[in-house]
């Protein structure tokens, strides 16, 4: 069995969408190191998901290069939220079945046959 030397260049693995613990394992097996500027406790982070990485997946880098990952979206990047959910004016009606009432003046007032006074 012949053992080949490790290549000096490796391709950056895709880490986006992985949990922190899976991202660390994937990076280690891919020959790169990880840094997470938004998680000072990164070595202990387990279930947060990677939302960004740099360099992007597939780029060739020297073995042992640092790949930076983020677990929070930056300003203006979305985050999957669907916006503000507070009531807007004008507000919708009270809901439910509402009885429509006749206009004052009797049932024939609109036709010019108002009250009999």
Protein backbone atom coordinates (compact mmCIF):
# COMPACT_ATOMS: atom_id res chain seq x y z
CA UNK A 1 0.00 0.00 0.00
CA UNK A 2 1.43 3.30 -1.08
CA UNK A 3 0.81 6.40 1.04
CA UNK A 4 0.71 9.61 -0.96
CA UNK A 5 1.80 12.86 0.61
CA UNK A 6 -0.89 15.36 1.48
CA UNK A 7 -1.36 17.96 -1.20
CA UNK A 8 -0.40 21.52 -0.28
CA UNK A 9 -3.70 22.87 -1.64
CA UNK A 10 -7.21 21.88 -0.57
CA UNK A 11 -10.66 22.94 -1.68
CA UNK A 12 -12.80 24.77 0.86
CA UNK A 13 -15.74 22.55 1.84
CA UNK A 14 -19.31 23.82 1.86
CA UNK A 15 -20.11 24.66 5.47
CA UNK A 16 -23.24 26.77 5.04
CA UNK A 17 -26.26 25.04 6.52
CA UNK A 18 -24.23 22.78 8.80
CA UNK A 19 -24.47 22.84 12.57
CA UNK A 20 -21.37 24.11 14.35
CA UNK A 21 -20.18 20.66 15.43
CA UNK A 22 -20.63 19.28 11.89
CA UNK A 23 -18.86 22.30 10.39
CA UNK A 24 -15.84 21.71 12.66
CA UNK A 25 -15.66 18.03 11.65
CA UNK A 26 -16.09 18.81 7.94
CA UNK A 27 -13.41 21.51 8.08
CA UNK A 28 -10.97 19.23 9.88
CA UNK A 29 -11.49 16.43 7.37
CA UNK A 30 -11.13 18.95 4.54
CA UNK A 31 -7.79 20.23 5.81
CA UNK A 32 -8.86 23.73 6.88
CA UNK A 33 -9.28 25.48 10.21
CA UNK A 34 -12.34 27.45 11.32
CA UNK A 35 -12.80 30.87 12.91
CA UNK A 36 -16.11 32.36 14.04
CA UNK A 37 -15.90 36.08 14.88
CA UNK A 38 -19.53 36.22 16.04
CA UNK A 39 -19.11 33.31 18.49
CA UNK A 40 -16.36 33.78 21.07
CA UNK A 41 -17.40 30.42 22.53
CA UNK A 42 -17.10 28.69 19.14
CA UNK A 43 -15.27 25.59 20.42
CA UNK A 44 -18.31 24.91 22.64
CA UNK A 45 -21.00 25.92 20.12
CA UNK A 46 -23.01 22.91 19.03
CA UNK A 47 -26.42 23.51 17.44
CA UNK A 48 -26.08 26.93 15.77
CA UNK A 49 -26.16 26.81 11.96
CA UNK A 50 -23.56 28.36 9.65
CA UNK A 51 -25.18 31.08 7.51
CA UNK A 52 -22.07 32.51 5.78
CA UNK A 53 -18.52 31.48 5.09
CA UNK A 54 -15.39 32.99 3.57
CA UNK A 55 -13.68 31.87 1.38
CA UNK A 56 -16.62 30.37 -0.50
CA UNK A 57 -16.92 26.63 -1.11
CA UNK A 58 -14.73 25.15 -3.82
CA UNK A 59 -11.93 27.73 -3.68
CA UNK A 60 -8.41 26.29 -3.45
CA UNK A 61 -6.52 27.39 -0.36
CA UNK A 62 -3.32 26.21 1.32
CA UNK A 63 -3.80 23.26 3.66
CA UNK A 64 -4.39 24.60 7.17
CA UNK A 65 -5.84 27.91 5.95
CA UNK A 66 -8.50 29.54 8.10
CA UNK A 67 -12.09 29.61 6.85
CA UNK A 68 -14.27 32.17 8.60
CA UNK A 69 -17.87 31.19 9.35
CA UNK A 70 -20.75 33.23 10.73
CA UNK A 71 -23.80 32.02 12.60
CA UNK A 72 -25.81 35.26 12.47
CA UNK A 73 -26.87 37.25 9.44
CA UNK A 74 -25.34 40.69 9.08
CA UNK A 75 -27.36 43.90 8.77
CA UNK A 76 -29.56 43.86 5.70
CA UNK A 77 -28.90 40.21 4.88
CA UNK A 78 -32.30 38.91 5.80
CA UNK A 79 -32.28 36.16 8.29
CA UNK A 80 -35.43 34.50 7.20
CA UNK A 81 -37.68 36.85 9.10
CA UNK A 82 -40.87 37.86 7.44
CA UNK A 83 -40.93 41.45 8.61
CA UNK A 84 -42.93 43.31 11.18
CA UNK A 85 -46.18 41.72 12.30
CA UNK A 86 -47.92 44.61 14.02
CA UNK A 87 -51.41 45.77 13.05
CA UNK A 88 -51.68 48.27 10.25
CA UNK A 89 -54.23 51.08 9.98
CA UNK A 90 -57.02 51.02 9.04
CA UNK A 91 -57.73 47.95 11.05
CA UNK A 92 -60.07 45.32 9.69
CA UNK A 93 -63.58 45.05 11.08
CA UNK A 94 -64.37 43.27 14.30
CA UNK A 95 -64.97 40.07 12.43
CA UNK A 96 -67.77 37.59 12.80
CA UNK A 97 -71.27 37.87 11.43
CA UNK A 98 -72.59 41.42 11.48
CA UNK A 99 -76.21 42.30 10.78
CA UNK A 100 -76.70 45.00 8.19
CA UNK A 101 -79.21 47.54 9.44
CA UNK A 102 -81.63 49.56 7.32
CA UNK A 103 -80.99 53.24 6.90
CA UNK A 104 -82.99 55.47 9.28
CA UNK A 105 -86.31 56.67 7.92
CA UNK A 106 -88.05 53.45 7.08
CA UNK A 107 -87.63 50.84 4.37
CA UNK A 108 -88.85 53.05 1.51
CA UNK A 109 -87.07 56.30 2.45
CA UNK A 110 -84.40 55.91 -0.21
CA UNK A 111 -87.08 55.60 -2.93
CA UNK A 112 -88.71 58.88 -1.94
CA UNK A 113 -91.57 57.35 -0.03
CA UNK A 114 -90.33 58.27 3.45
CA UNK A 115 -92.52 58.35 6.45
CA UNK A 116 -96.26 58.91 6.20
CA UNK A 117 -96.34 62.07 8.37
